[in-house]
């Protein structure tokens, strides 16, 4: 088939190419630019002039070079073989390209996203003749040891299933089913394509219910995110945004994880690429890569590809959601994506808004975050996408445009604190600036899983932390010694909560991940200590004598000494606490 030349290059402005004499094109059409066939996308059309956003280095591209139209939008291949892969922003398999050309990717190189050589064992789930519609499951293949890949009818196909392939091994391009539609028979393969900028359809959006358990106590207990929710993690340089997202990707109870390194430093992505294959998933006992997909678009890659990487990641997440899986997507960081939008907007001479960002920045952010959610799929399954986006405000200034616009579209805000990070308190989540609007959504789950007092305990400890913040201002002026024991107790309990509960050691085998039941009991122990100690002080017990109790040292070490599967030790600790304070009170009484 002859190539369709739709125009020629007229001007090159960084990643933006202006093409003239353009005919027969549409907005957002995928094009190849120049003799090297650089991947690009049409982002503006005026008369016979089109502006193309090129996702590769345009150095050396000359005027007069051909622009070749593809007749379709920028799309991704969706089928078995995605999990465990590493792609760039336009879904080129980086591991395949490395074998072809080494550590550095050349311009104009193309490789199929899904292997054409590998064969998959297919087990049909339906028996023809029967009627099928978009999203229906035709059969399954075992994609990894832990994930069953459901072969879906593409969303646009509806009709009578007249043939399905028998149980056996097939290649990705083999026909596995035939559907009779009013427009004729449609042959279905293991994979189909979907445009990245268009959200995949679903039957019904559902209200969020139940939390995404991350294993990080400060998040799950204080600022939970519901399954299918959206959250932003803002923080300045060195506050631990990437560390937080790594921890969530490693330990969260999502079925699958899509990790997007959008414009981040290469050494951070290297850490992900080297660590994840060696990590053992605590739920399955298998490699974490069995349920993980990585999109690596580092800061030294073409800036325009950052924009594509965000959409590529969310589209793949929607595909697995449509199978009925719960997907967690990590976008690190959306600030780099916004910076790419700013650069491209400037190159196209658009009128800038706040701090040079384009006026449509809020719209683009909304389009991305609104694709998360808990839904009933077209096939009748229940699936979800939980989106966790990092923001890198310059100087840690949360008033900058990207952070402020993002807050409009998320319901949880995990603010990272520079002072906590400098003090090596990780996760460096600020308990004063962070918030979550999912408390009412997740409370029934916590009540059923742990105890109906969860919400009350959380409110109690948050009140203590707020009182401690106010007392700290007094302490800075006059010192802690002038405070009565009742107020010094607040400072002591706050310090206990910070060190024994909020601070978590990612390198400790016991403390790296904390189950919900353990979180509740730990919180209950600390709040119980405050309640009983406050009563004891009223009866004349001194704070110094309370601090000298052996059980206090045990409380400080409980996160290390009580594994997730030995929670009875925490119950014993709670009884020891009650007995110790009762004994002390009886002495003073």
Protein backbone atom coordinates (compact mmCIF):
# COMPACT_ATOMS: atom_id res chain seq x y z
CA UNK A 1 0.00 0.00 0.00
CA UNK A 2 1.38 3.36 -1.06
CA UNK A 3 2.12 5.89 1.67
CA UNK A 4 -0.31 8.82 1.94
CA UNK A 5 1.75 12.02 1.90
CA UNK A 6 -0.46 14.72 3.39
CA UNK A 7 1.95 17.66 3.26
CA UNK A 8 5.53 18.80 3.67
CA UNK A 9 7.53 20.32 6.51
CA UNK A 10 7.60 24.12 6.36
CA UNK A 11 9.13 25.07 9.71
CA UNK A 12 10.61 23.29 12.74
CA UNK A 13 10.35 24.86 16.20
CA UNK A 14 11.76 22.37 18.68
CA UNK A 15 9.25 19.52 19.10
CA UNK A 16 6.63 21.38 17.02
CA UNK A 17 6.65 21.03 13.24
CA UNK A 18 4.65 23.30 10.95
CA UNK A 19 3.53 21.53 7.79
CA UNK A 20 2.21 23.24 4.65
CA UNK A 21 0.10 22.16 1.68
CA UNK A 22 -1.79 19.82 3.99
CA UNK A 23 -4.85 17.99 2.65
CA UNK A 24 -7.21 15.32 3.91
CA UNK A 25 -6.19 15.31 7.58
CA UNK A 26 -8.02 15.38 10.89
CA UNK A 27 -7.18 16.72 14.32
CA UNK A 28 -5.10 14.35 16.46
CA UNK A 29 -4.24 12.16 13.49
CA UNK A 30 -1.08 10.09 13.83
CA UNK A 31 1.60 11.04 11.31
CA UNK A 32 5.18 10.14 10.43
CA UNK A 33 7.46 13.09 9.74
CA UNK A 34 10.49 13.11 7.44
CA UNK A 35 12.51 10.32 5.92
CA UNK A 36 13.22 8.92 9.38
CA UNK A 37 9.45 8.61 10.03
CA UNK A 38 9.38 10.44 13.32
CA UNK A 39 6.18 9.81 15.29
CA UNK A 40 3.94 12.86 15.58
CA UNK A 41 0.36 13.97 16.15
CA UNK A 42 -1.57 16.81 14.51
CA UNK A 43 -2.59 19.29 17.21
CA UNK A 44 -3.77 22.29 15.14
CA UNK A 45 -5.12 22.86 11.62
CA UNK A 46 -5.62 26.26 9.92
CA UNK A 47 -6.46 26.13 6.25
CA UNK A 48 -3.77 24.09 4.54
CA UNK A 49 -1.32 24.49 7.44
CA UNK A 50 -1.05 21.93 10.26
CA UNK A 51 0.99 21.94 13.45
CA UNK A 52 2.44 18.61 14.47
CA UNK A 53 3.56 17.60 17.95
CA UNK A 54 6.55 15.31 17.38
CA UNK A 55 7.38 12.74 20.03
CA UNK A 56 11.02 12.34 18.98
CA UNK A 57 14.08 14.55 18.58
CA UNK A 58 13.59 16.83 15.57
CA UNK A 59 17.27 17.79 15.18
CA UNK A 60 18.23 17.79 11.51
CA UNK A 61 14.68 17.71 10.21
CA UNK A 62 14.63 19.84 7.05
CA UNK A 63 11.94 21.91 5.32
CA UNK A 64 10.38 20.06 2.44
CA UNK A 65 10.49 16.70 4.20
CA UNK A 66 7.32 14.64 3.70
CA UNK A 67 4.58 14.23 6.29
CA UNK A 68 2.89 10.84 6.03
CA UNK A 69 -0.64 10.44 7.38
CA UNK A 70 -1.73 7.22 9.04
CA UNK A 71 -5.48 7.78 8.95
CA UNK A 72 -5.93 7.03 12.66
CA UNK A 73 -5.30 8.76 15.99
CA UNK A 74 -2.40 7.94 18.30
CA UNK A 75 -3.41 4.56 19.70
CA UNK A 76 -2.08 1.75 21.86
CA UNK A 77 -2.21 -1.99 21.31
CA UNK A 78 -4.25 -3.73 24.00
CA UNK A 79 -3.83 -7.46 24.47
CA UNK A 80 -1.86 -10.15 26.33
CA UNK A 81 1.81 -9.39 26.87
CA UNK A 82 1.46 -5.93 28.39
CA UNK A 83 2.25 -6.91 31.99
CA UNK A 84 5.91 -7.07 32.87
CA UNK A 85 6.77 -4.85 29.88
CA UNK A 86 8.59 -1.52 29.83
CA UNK A 87 7.36 1.03 27.30
CA UNK A 88 8.19 4.59 26.39
CA UNK A 89 5.53 7.30 26.08
CA UNK A 90 4.25 6.09 22.68
CA UNK A 91 4.25 2.39 23.66
CA UNK A 92 7.50 1.35 22.07
CA UNK A 93 8.90 -1.65 23.99
CA UNK A 94 12.18 -0.41 25.42
CA UNK A 95 13.49 -3.90 26.22
CA UNK A 96 13.01 -4.92 22.58
CA UNK A 97 14.62 -1.73 21.28
CA UNK A 98 17.59 -2.22 23.59
CA UNK A 99 18.26 -5.64 22.12
CA UNK A 100 18.15 -4.11 18.65
CA UNK A 101 20.34 -1.03 19.15
CA UNK A 102 21.82 -0.91 22.65
CA UNK A 103 21.26 1.49 25.53
CA UNK A 104 20.29 4.52 23.45
CA UNK A 105 17.16 4.62 21.32
CA UNK A 106 17.65 6.00 17.81
CA UNK A 107 15.14 8.26 16.06
CA UNK A 108 12.47 6.80 13.84
CA UNK A 109 12.73 3.31 15.28
CA UNK A 110 9.52 1.32 15.43
CA UNK A 111 8.68 -1.98 17.06
CA UNK A 112 5.34 -3.62 17.79
CA UNK A 113 4.16 -3.12 21.35
CA UNK A 114 3.05 -6.74 21.64
CA UNK A 115 5.20 -9.66 20.55
CA UNK A 116 4.15 -11.22 17.26
CA UNK A 117 6.19 -14.38 17.91
CA UNK A 118 4.87 -15.45 21.31
CA UNK A 119 1.95 -17.85 21.43
CA UNK A 120 -0.73 -17.85 24.08
CA UNK A 121 -2.92 -20.70 25.29
CA UNK A 122 -6.52 -19.67 24.70
CA UNK A 123 -9.51 -21.13 26.55
CA UNK A 124 -12.89 -20.02 25.14
CA UNK A 125 -15.56 -18.79 27.55
CA UNK A 126 -18.55 -18.65 25.18
CA UNK A 127 -20.20 -21.10 22.83
CA UNK A 128 -21.58 -19.88 19.48
CA UNK A 129 -24.10 -19.07 18.28
CA UNK A 130 -24.86 -16.34 20.78
CA UNK A 131 -25.17 -12.59 20.84
CA UNK A 132 -22.20 -10.56 22.10
CA UNK A 133 -21.61 -6.88 22.62
CA UNK A 134 -18.64 -4.66 23.40
CA UNK A 135 -16.78 -5.73 26.53
CA UNK A 136 -17.99 -9.34 26.47
CA UNK A 137 -15.38 -11.95 27.46
CA UNK A 138 -14.64 -14.34 24.60
CA UNK A 139 -12.04 -16.41 26.44
CA UNK A 140 -9.01 -16.22 28.67
CA UNK A 141 -5.25 -16.63 28.48
CA UNK A 142 -2.85 -16.85 31.41
CA UNK A 143 -0.84 -13.66 30.90
CA UNK A 144 1.32 -14.10 34.01
CA UNK A 145 1.29 -16.58 36.86
CA UNK A 146 -1.04 -14.32 38.85
CA UNK A 147 -3.10 -12.47 36.21
CA UNK A 148 -5.65 -14.09 33.92
CA UNK A 149 -6.05 -12.02 30.78
CA UNK A 150 -9.63 -11.88 29.52
CA UNK A 151 -9.97 -11.49 25.77
CA UNK A 152 -12.62 -8.82 25.31
CA UNK A 153 -14.90 -8.00 22.44
CA UNK A 154 -13.84 -4.49 21.30
CA UNK A 155 -16.27 -1.80 22.52
CA UNK A 156 -17.48 -0.97 19.00
CA UNK A 157 -18.37 -4.56 18.03
CA UNK A 158 -21.88 -5.94 18.61
CA UNK A 159 -23.60 -8.82 16.87
CA UNK A 160 -23.98 -12.59 16.59
CA UNK A 161 -20.96 -14.68 17.53
CA UNK A 162 -20.69 -17.27 14.76
CA UNK A 163 -17.29 -18.78 15.52
CA UNK A 164 -14.81 -18.98 18.39
CA UNK A 165 -11.45 -20.70 18.26
CA UNK A 166 -11.15 -24.00 20.16
CA UNK A 167 -8.86 -24.49 23.14
CA UNK A 168 -5.26 -24.17 21.93
CA UNK A 169 -2.19 -22.01 21.31
CA UNK A 170 -2.44 -18.95 19.08
CA UNK A 171 -0.39 -15.96 18.02
CA UNK A 172 -1.42 -12.40 18.78
CA UNK A 173 -2.63 -11.80 15.22
CA UNK A 174 -4.56 -15.04 14.78
CA UNK A 175 -8.33 -14.82 14.48
CA UNK A 176 -9.95 -16.23 17.64
CA UNK A 177 -13.57 -15.27 16.97
CA UNK A 178 -15.90 -14.03 14.25
CA UNK A 179 -18.89 -11.81 14.90
CA UNK A 180 -21.66 -11.21 12.39
CA UNK A 181 -22.70 -7.54 12.42
CA UNK A 182 -25.05 -5.48 10.19
CA UNK A 183 -21.96 -4.24 8.37
CA UNK A 184 -20.59 -7.73 7.75
CA UNK A 185 -18.50 -10.34 9.54
CA UNK A 186 -15.81 -9.02 11.88
CA UNK A 187 -12.77 -11.16 12.71
CA UNK A 188 -11.47 -10.62 16.24
CA UNK A 189 -7.88 -11.18 17.34
CA UNK A 190 -6.19 -11.29 20.72
CA UNK A 191 -5.62 -7.55 20.63
CA UNK A 192 -7.24 -4.38 19.42
CA UNK A 193 -6.22 -0.72 19.28
CA UNK A 194 -7.69 2.20 21.19
CA UNK A 195 -6.98 5.96 20.86
CA UNK A 196 -5.17 7.18 23.96
CA UNK A 197 -6.96 10.52 24.27
CA UNK A 198 -10.42 8.93 24.33
CA UNK A 199 -11.66 7.29 27.52
CA UNK A 200 -12.89 3.73 27.13
CA UNK A 201 -16.66 3.37 27.65
CA UNK A 202 -18.31 1.67 30.61
CA UNK A 203 -21.89 0.83 31.61
CA UNK A 204 -22.19 2.77 34.87
CA UNK A 205 -20.05 4.79 37.25
CA UNK A 206 -20.38 3.67 40.88
CA UNK A 207 -19.83 5.45 44.16
CA UNK A 208 -16.48 4.67 45.77
CA UNK A 209 -16.64 2.04 48.50
CA UNK A 210 -13.78 0.50 50.42
CA UNK A 211 -10.21 1.77 50.66
CA UNK A 212 -7.13 1.06 48.61
CA UNK A 213 -4.90 -0.39 51.32
CA UNK A 214 -1.34 0.82 50.81
CA UNK A 215 0.24 -0.65 53.92
CA UNK A 216 1.40 2.85 54.90
CA UNK A 217 -0.18 3.74 58.24
CA UNK A 218 -0.25 7.51 57.79
CA UNK A 219 -2.16 7.06 54.52
CA UNK A 220 -4.55 4.22 55.34
CA UNK A 221 -5.51 5.45 58.81
CA UNK A 222 -5.36 9.24 58.60
CA UNK A 223 -5.82 10.08 54.90
CA UNK A 224 -7.27 7.06 53.12
CA UNK A 225 -8.06 6.91 49.42
CA UNK A 226 -11.04 4.89 48.26
CA UNK A 227 -10.71 2.24 45.59
CA UNK A 228 -11.43 4.12 42.39
CA UNK A 229 -10.47 7.45 43.95
CA UNK A 230 -7.99 10.14 42.97
CA UNK A 231 -5.22 11.60 45.09
CA UNK A 232 -2.35 14.01 44.59
CA UNK A 233 1.05 13.86 46.30
CA UNK A 234 2.64 17.35 46.17
CA UNK A 235 6.09 18.04 47.52
CA UNK A 236 9.29 19.93 46.80
CA UNK A 237 12.59 18.39 45.73
CA UNK A 238 13.81 15.71 48.13
CA UNK A 239 10.60 15.30 50.12
CA UNK A 240 10.00 11.73 48.97
CA UNK A 241 7.28 11.81 46.29
CA UNK A 242 8.87 9.00 44.35
CA UNK A 243 9.50 7.02 47.55
CA UNK A 244 5.81 7.26 48.49
CA UNK A 245 4.70 6.11 45.06
CA UNK A 246 7.25 3.28 45.03
CA UNK A 247 5.96 2.07 48.41
CA UNK A 248 2.35 2.18 47.24
CA UNK A 249 3.18 0.39 43.99
CA UNK A 250 5.01 -2.33 45.94
CA UNK A 251 2.48 -2.95 48.69
CA UNK A 252 -1.00 -1.73 47.71
CA UNK A 253 -3.75 -4.31 47.33
CA UNK A 254 -4.61 -3.38 43.74
CA UNK A 255 -4.76 -6.26 41.27
CA UNK A 256 -2.45 -4.45 38.86
CA UNK A 257 -0.15 -1.43 38.93
CA UNK A 258 0.65 0.91 36.03
CA UNK A 259 3.68 3.06 36.88
CA UNK A 260 4.35 6.10 34.68
CA UNK A 261 7.72 7.80 35.02
CA UNK A 262 6.78 11.07 33.33
CA UNK A 263 9.82 13.29 32.88
CA UNK A 264 11.53 12.05 36.05
CA UNK A 265 15.26 11.54 36.42
CA UNK A 266 16.74 8.45 34.88
CA UNK A 267 18.26 7.19 38.14
CA UNK A 268 14.79 7.09 39.74
CA UNK A 269 13.39 4.99 36.91
CA UNK A 270 16.49 2.81 37.10
CA UNK A 271 15.63 2.14 40.74
CA UNK A 272 12.15 1.02 39.70
CA UNK A 273 13.46 -1.15 36.86
CA UNK A 274 16.02 -2.90 39.06
CA UNK A 275 13.97 -3.23 42.26
CA UNK A 276 10.57 -4.33 41.02
CA UNK A 277 11.66 -7.59 39.31
CA UNK A 278 13.40 -8.64 42.55
CA UNK A 279 10.53 -7.74 44.88
CA UNK A 280 8.19 -10.47 46.01
CA UNK A 281 4.49 -9.60 46.02
CA UNK A 282 3.26 -10.28 49.59
CA UNK A 283 -0.17 -11.32 48.29
CA UNK A 284 0.97 -13.88 45.72
CA UNK A 285 4.55 -14.77 46.61
CA UNK A 286 5.55 -14.08 42.99
CA UNK A 287 7.62 -11.30 41.43
CA UNK A 288 5.99 -7.89 41.60
CA UNK A 289 6.47 -7.51 37.84
CA UNK A 290 3.86 -10.26 37.37
CA UNK A 291 1.23 -7.57 37.96
CA UNK A 292 3.09 -4.40 36.98
CA UNK A 293 3.54 -2.40 33.79
CA UNK A 294 6.12 0.37 33.51
CA UNK A 295 6.11 3.40 31.22
CA UNK A 296 9.51 5.06 31.30
CA UNK A 297 9.70 8.54 29.88
CA UNK A 298 12.70 10.12 31.58
CA UNK A 299 13.81 13.75 31.61
CA UNK A 300 16.39 13.22 28.86
CA UNK A 301 13.78 11.87 26.44
CA UNK A 302 11.90 14.17 24.03
CA UNK A 303 9.71 16.54 26.03
CA UNK A 304 6.59 16.03 23.90
CA UNK A 305 6.54 12.31 24.71
CA UNK A 306 5.76 13.17 28.34
CA UNK A 307 2.32 14.22 27.29
CA UNK A 308 1.70 10.97 25.43
CA UNK A 309 2.96 8.82 28.33
CA UNK A 310 0.18 10.01 30.65
CA UNK A 311 -2.53 9.05 28.17
CA UNK A 312 -0.84 5.78 27.25
CA UNK A 313 -0.76 4.74 30.90
CA UNK A 314 -4.38 5.60 31.70
CA UNK A 315 -5.64 3.88 28.54
CA UNK A 316 -3.88 0.63 29.44
CA UNK A 317 -5.28 0.93 32.97
CA UNK A 318 -8.81 1.31 31.54
CA UNK A 319 -8.30 -1.84 29.48
CA UNK A 320 -7.56 -3.96 32.56
CA UNK A 321 -10.37 -2.22 34.43
CA UNK A 322 -12.71 -3.43 31.70
CA UNK A 323 -11.66 -7.00 32.54
CA UNK A 324 -12.92 -6.48 36.10
CA UNK A 325 -9.59 -5.73 37.77
CA UNK A 326 -8.75 -3.06 40.31
CA UNK A 327 -5.89 -1.00 38.88
CA UNK A 328 -3.65 1.53 40.62
CA UNK A 329 -1.89 4.05 38.40
CA UNK A 330 1.12 6.09 39.57
CA UNK A 331 1.87 9.26 37.61
CA UNK A 332 5.29 10.63 38.58
CA UNK A 333 5.08 13.47 38.00
CA UNK A 334 2.22 15.42 36.46
CA UNK A 335 4.23 18.63 36.91
CA UNK A 336 6.64 17.43 34.21
CA UNK A 337 3.64 16.73 32.01
CA UNK A 338 2.37 20.27 32.64
CA UNK A 339 5.82 21.64 31.81
CA UNK A 340 5.70 19.78 28.50
CA UNK A 341 2.31 21.38 27.79
CA UNK A 342 3.81 24.78 28.61
CA UNK A 343 6.72 24.28 26.25
CA UNK A 344 4.54 23.03 23.40
CA UNK A 345 2.07 25.86 23.93
CA UNK A 346 4.89 28.39 23.81
CA UNK A 347 6.29 26.87 20.63
CA UNK A 348 2.89 27.25 19.00
CA UNK A 349 2.73 30.91 20.16
CA UNK A 350 -0.43 30.47 22.23
CA UNK A 351 -1.46 33.07 24.77
CA UNK A 352 -0.02 32.00 28.16
CA UNK A 353 -1.93 31.94 31.46
CA UNK A 354 -0.54 31.69 35.02
CA UNK A 355 3.24 31.25 35.07
CA UNK A 356 3.31 30.56 31.34
CA UNK A 357 1.11 27.47 31.48
CA UNK A 358 -1.55 27.22 28.76
CA UNK A 359 -5.09 28.30 29.61
CA UNK A 360 -6.34 24.75 28.94
CA UNK A 361 -4.15 23.21 31.67
CA UNK A 362 -7.13 22.69 34.06
CA UNK A 363 -9.07 20.99 31.26
CA UNK A 364 -6.23 18.57 30.55
CA UNK A 365 -5.82 17.76 34.24
CA UNK A 366 -9.56 17.16 34.58
CA UNK A 367 -9.59 14.88 31.52
CA UNK A 368 -6.87 12.75 33.08
CA UNK A 369 -8.15 12.47 36.65
CA UNK A 370 -11.78 11.97 35.58
CA UNK A 371 -10.79 8.73 33.85
CA UNK A 372 -10.30 7.15 37.30
CA UNK A 373 -13.25 5.67 39.16
CA UNK A 374 -15.16 2.55 40.18
CA UNK A 375 -17.41 1.35 37.34
CA UNK A 376 -19.59 -1.41 36.06
CA UNK A 377 -17.95 -2.43 32.79
CA UNK A 378 -19.68 -3.09 29.49
CA UNK A 379 -19.25 -6.81 30.20
CA UNK A 380 -21.02 -6.53 33.56
CA UNK A 381 -17.92 -6.77 35.77
CA UNK A 382 -16.90 -4.32 38.48
CA UNK A 383 -13.51 -2.69 37.99
CA UNK A 384 -11.70 0.38 39.19
CA UNK A 385 -8.83 2.74 38.53
CA UNK A 386 -7.23 4.53 41.47
CA UNK A 387 -5.05 7.39 40.30
CA UNK A 388 -2.18 8.68 42.42
CA UNK A 389 -0.49 11.66 40.80
CA UNK A 390 2.66 13.34 42.05
CA UNK A 391 3.16 17.09 41.72
CA UNK A 392 6.55 18.82 41.99
CA UNK A 393 5.86 22.47 42.88
CA UNK A 394 9.00 24.64 42.53
CA UNK A 395 10.40 25.36 45.97
CA UNK A 396 7.57 23.38 47.58
CA UNK A 397 5.14 26.23 46.89
CA UNK A 398 1.67 24.67 46.91
CA UNK A 399 0.13 27.89 45.57
CA UNK A 400 1.61 27.36 42.08
CA UNK A 401 -0.86 26.63 39.24
CA UNK A 402 -0.39 22.87 38.76
CA UNK A 403 -0.98 22.08 42.45
CA UNK A 404 -3.91 24.46 42.76
CA UNK A 405 -5.64 23.23 39.60
CA UNK A 406 -5.06 19.60 40.56
CA UNK A 407 -6.70 20.13 43.98
CA UNK A 408 -9.92 20.96 42.13
CA UNK A 409 -10.15 17.45 40.70
CA UNK A 410 -8.93 15.21 43.54
CA UNK A 411 -10.49 14.26 46.87
CA UNK A 412 -7.34 13.38 48.79
CA UNK A 413 -4.27 15.55 49.32
CA UNK A 414 -1.07 13.96 50.65
CA UNK A 415 1.14 16.98 51.29
CA UNK A 416 4.83 16.24 51.78
CA UNK A 417 6.73 18.29 54.32
CA UNK A 418 10.31 19.41 53.74
CA UNK A 419 11.09 19.60 57.47
CA UNK A 420 9.91 16.05 58.04
CA UNK A 421 12.03 14.84 55.13
CA UNK A 422 15.08 16.67 56.47
CA UNK A 423 14.47 15.00 59.85
CA UNK A 424 14.41 11.60 58.06
CA UNK A 425 10.79 11.10 59.04
CA UNK A 426 9.34 8.95 56.25
CA UNK A 427 6.77 8.91 54.80
CA UNK A 428 7.09 12.71 55.12
CA UNK A 429 3.31 13.25 54.95
CA UNK A 430 2.19 16.39 56.78
CA UNK A 431 -0.62 15.53 59.18
CA UNK A 432 -1.62 19.21 59.33
CA UNK A 433 -1.77 20.06 55.61
CA UNK A 434 -3.04 16.75 54.24
CA UNK A 435 -6.68 15.77 54.01
CA UNK A 436 -9.01 13.10 52.64
CA UNK A 437 -12.65 13.38 51.63
CA UNK A 438 -13.04 9.59 51.48
CA UNK A 439 -13.54 9.03 55.23
CA UNK A 440 -17.30 8.45 54.88
CA UNK A 441 -16.72 6.15 51.90
CA UNK A 442 -14.21 3.87 53.62
CA UNK A 443 -15.55 3.95 57.21
CA UNK A 444 -18.01 1.02 56.69
CA UNK A 445 -15.12 -1.12 55.45
CA UNK A 446 -12.99 -0.27 58.47
CA UNK A 447 -15.90 -0.90 60.82
CA UNK A 448 -16.42 -4.37 59.37
CA UNK A 449 -12.71 -5.20 59.09
CA UNK A 450 -11.61 -3.90 62.49
CA UNK A 451 -14.00 -2.17 64.89
CA UNK A 452 -16.77 0.41 64.78
CA UNK A 453 -14.61 2.77 66.83
CA UNK A 454 -12.16 3.36 63.94
CA UNK A 455 -13.55 6.73 62.94
CA UNK A 456 -13.71 7.88 66.59
CA UNK A 457 -10.11 6.84 67.24
CA UNK A 458 -8.97 8.64 64.10
CA UNK A 459 -10.77 11.82 65.21
CA UNK A 460 -9.23 11.54 68.68
CA UNK A 461 -5.66 11.28 67.43
CA UNK A 462 -6.15 14.10 64.90
CA UNK A 463 -7.43 16.31 67.73
CA UNK A 464 -4.33 15.46 69.78
CA UNK A 465 -2.04 16.34 66.87
CA UNK A 466 -3.79 19.68 66.36
CA UNK A 467 -3.48 20.48 70.08
CA UNK A 468 0.22 19.57 69.91
CA UNK A 469 0.73 22.00 67.00
CA UNK A 470 -0.77 24.84 69.05
CA UNK A 471 1.28 23.93 72.14
CA UNK A 472 4.48 23.89 70.08
CA UNK A 473 4.13 27.64 69.59
CA UNK A 474 4.01 28.09 73.38
CA UNK A 475 6.95 25.73 73.92
CA UNK A 476 9.09 27.71 71.50
CA UNK A 477 8.48 30.84 73.56
CA UNK A 478 8.65 29.64 77.18
CA UNK A 479 9.76 25.99 77.06
CA UNK A 480 7.94 22.77 77.92
CA UNK A 481 8.83 22.82 81.63
CA UNK A 482 6.27 25.53 82.42
CA UNK A 483 3.39 23.49 81.07
CA UNK A 484 1.24 21.39 83.42
CA UNK A 485 1.47 17.59 83.13
CA UNK A 486 -1.88 17.43 81.34
CA UNK A 487 -0.53 19.52 78.48
CA UNK A 488 2.92 17.91 78.50
CA UNK A 489 1.09 14.61 78.12
CA UNK A 490 -0.27 15.86 74.79
CA UNK A 491 3.28 16.56 73.62
CA UNK A 492 4.45 13.11 74.77
CA UNK A 493 1.56 11.26 73.11
CA UNK A 494 2.04 13.24 69.89
CA UNK A 495 5.74 12.31 69.87
CA UNK A 496 4.79 8.68 70.55
CA UNK A 497 2.31 8.72 67.68
CA UNK A 498 4.85 10.24 65.29
CA UNK A 499 7.63 7.77 66.12
CA UNK A 500 5.66 4.60 66.86
CA UNK A 501 2.92 4.96 64.26
CA UNK A 502 3.43 7.59 61.56
CA UNK A 503 7.11 6.93 60.90
CA UNK A 504 7.60 3.74 58.90
CA UNK A 505 10.80 1.95 57.89
CA UNK A 506 10.63 0.76 54.30
CA UNK A 507 13.75 -1.40 54.79
CA UNK A 508 12.45 -3.32 57.80
CA UNK A 509 10.81 -6.65 56.94
CA UNK A 510 8.12 -6.23 59.59
CA UNK A 511 7.50 -2.48 59.34
CA UNK A 512 7.59 -2.04 55.55
CA UNK A 513 3.96 -3.10 55.23
CA UNK A 514 1.24 -2.87 57.87
CA UNK A 515 -2.13 -4.61 57.53
CA UNK A 516 -5.32 -2.74 58.41
CA UNK A 517 -5.97 -4.81 61.54
CA UNK A 518 -2.52 -4.02 62.93
CA UNK A 519 -2.99 -0.32 62.16
CA UNK A 520 -6.21 -0.24 64.12
CA UNK A 521 -4.81 -2.01 67.19
CA UNK A 522 -1.69 0.21 67.21
CA UNK A 523 -3.85 3.31 67.01
CA UNK A 524 -6.12 1.99 69.75
CA UNK A 525 -3.12 1.37 72.03
CA UNK A 526 -1.82 4.93 71.63
CA UNK A 527 -5.23 6.55 72.14
CA UNK A 528 -5.89 4.27 75.12
CA UNK A 529 -2.57 5.32 76.63
CA UNK A 530 -3.57 8.98 76.29
CA UNK A 531 -7.02 8.42 77.78
CA UNK A 532 -5.81 6.38 80.77
CA UNK A 533 -2.79 8.59 81.36
CA UNK A 534 -4.94 11.72 81.36
CA UNK A 535 -7.23 10.14 83.96
CA UNK A 536 -4.22 9.07 86.04
CA UNK A 537 -2.76 12.58 86.00
CA UNK A 538 -6.06 13.93 87.27
CA UNK A 539 -5.73 11.49 90.18
CA UNK A 540 -2.27 12.73 91.05
CA UNK A 541 0.02 10.48 89.01
CA UNK A 542 3.02 12.35 87.62
CA UNK A 543 3.89 12.33 83.92
CA UNK A 544 7.46 11.29 84.78
CA UNK A 545 6.24 8.10 86.47
CA UNK A 546 4.03 7.30 83.47
CA UNK A 547 6.97 7.67 81.10
CA UNK A 548 9.08 5.31 83.23
CA UNK A 549 6.67 2.40 82.73
CA UNK A 550 8.21 -0.55 80.86
CA UNK A 551 5.12 -0.79 78.67
CA UNK A 552 5.92 2.63 77.16
CA UNK A 553 9.13 1.22 75.66
CA UNK A 554 7.15 -1.72 74.33
CA UNK A 555 4.69 0.65 72.65
CA UNK A 556 7.55 2.47 70.93
CA UNK A 557 8.86 -0.84 69.54
CA UNK A 558 5.54 -2.52 68.68
CA UNK A 559 5.75 -1.72 64.97
CA UNK A 560 8.95 -3.79 64.72
CA UNK A 561 8.26 -6.55 67.25
CA UNK A 562 4.69 -7.48 66.33
CA UNK A 563 4.45 -9.01 62.80
CA UNK A 564 1.25 -8.76 60.78
CA UNK A 565 0.39 -12.39 61.49
CA UNK A 566 0.94 -12.18 65.27
CA UNK A 567 -1.55 -9.52 66.29
CA UNK A 568 -2.29 -11.35 69.53
CA UNK A 569 0.94 -9.83 70.82
CA UNK A 570 -0.61 -6.38 70.41
CA UNK A 571 -3.68 -7.50 72.35
CA UNK A 572 -1.36 -8.63 75.13
CA UNK A 573 0.42 -5.26 75.00
CA UNK A 574 -2.90 -3.44 75.37
CA UNK A 575 -3.74 -5.49 78.48
CA UNK A 576 -0.29 -4.80 79.95
CA UNK A 577 -0.83 -1.08 79.36
CA UNK A 578 -4.17 -1.06 81.15
CA UNK A 579 -2.76 -3.08 84.06
CA UNK A 580 0.37 -0.91 84.37
CA UNK A 581 -1.55 2.37 84.55
CA UNK A 582 -4.12 0.86 86.92
CA UNK A 583 -1.32 -0.34 89.21
CA UNK A 584 0.36 3.07 89.11
CA UNK A 585 -2.92 4.84 89.82
CA UNK A 586 -3.60 2.59 92.81
CA UNK A 587 -0.22 3.50 94.29
CA UNK A 588 -0.89 7.23 94.04
CA UNK A 589 -4.48 6.78 95.17
